[in-house]
């Protein structure tokens, strides 16, 4: 069987047979390359515009992000200042609590001393009360001066 040609396959152009055909082929290729170069240049200009627009957009966005970071930094500085203020207040409070603790400890010691002294004085007071009661009893039994004078006058009068 004879080989059949596939109609879908393009025919290969064989090398041009004359100088004129070669010049026409080179001119056609030059024209195609010129169109391709112009299209490529147009695409490059379009991409440059797009890239420039993207750069401007990104620069704007970065400026916004930088501004936000500056705001956040300012807020952190405020928070840091507040914490420093709170630390100072807590330090003063700790110092005050230390003074209160020392005062309470001293007061507790003094109260123990006062209780001890009161206990000692309580014994002495009971002893004094007993002595006062004995003196009162003795005074009740003792004759007072007016009574002695009255007794002496009666005794002298009765003689």
Foldseek 3Di string as FASTA:
>chain_A
DDDDDDPPDDDDDDPDDDPVVVVVVVVVVVVVVVVVVVVVVVVVVVVVVVVVVVVVVVVVVVVVVVVVVVVVVVVVVVVVVVVVVVVVVVVVVVVVVVVVVVVVVVVVVVVVVVVVVVVVVVVVVVVVVVVVVVVVVVVVVDDDPVVVVVVVVVVVVVD
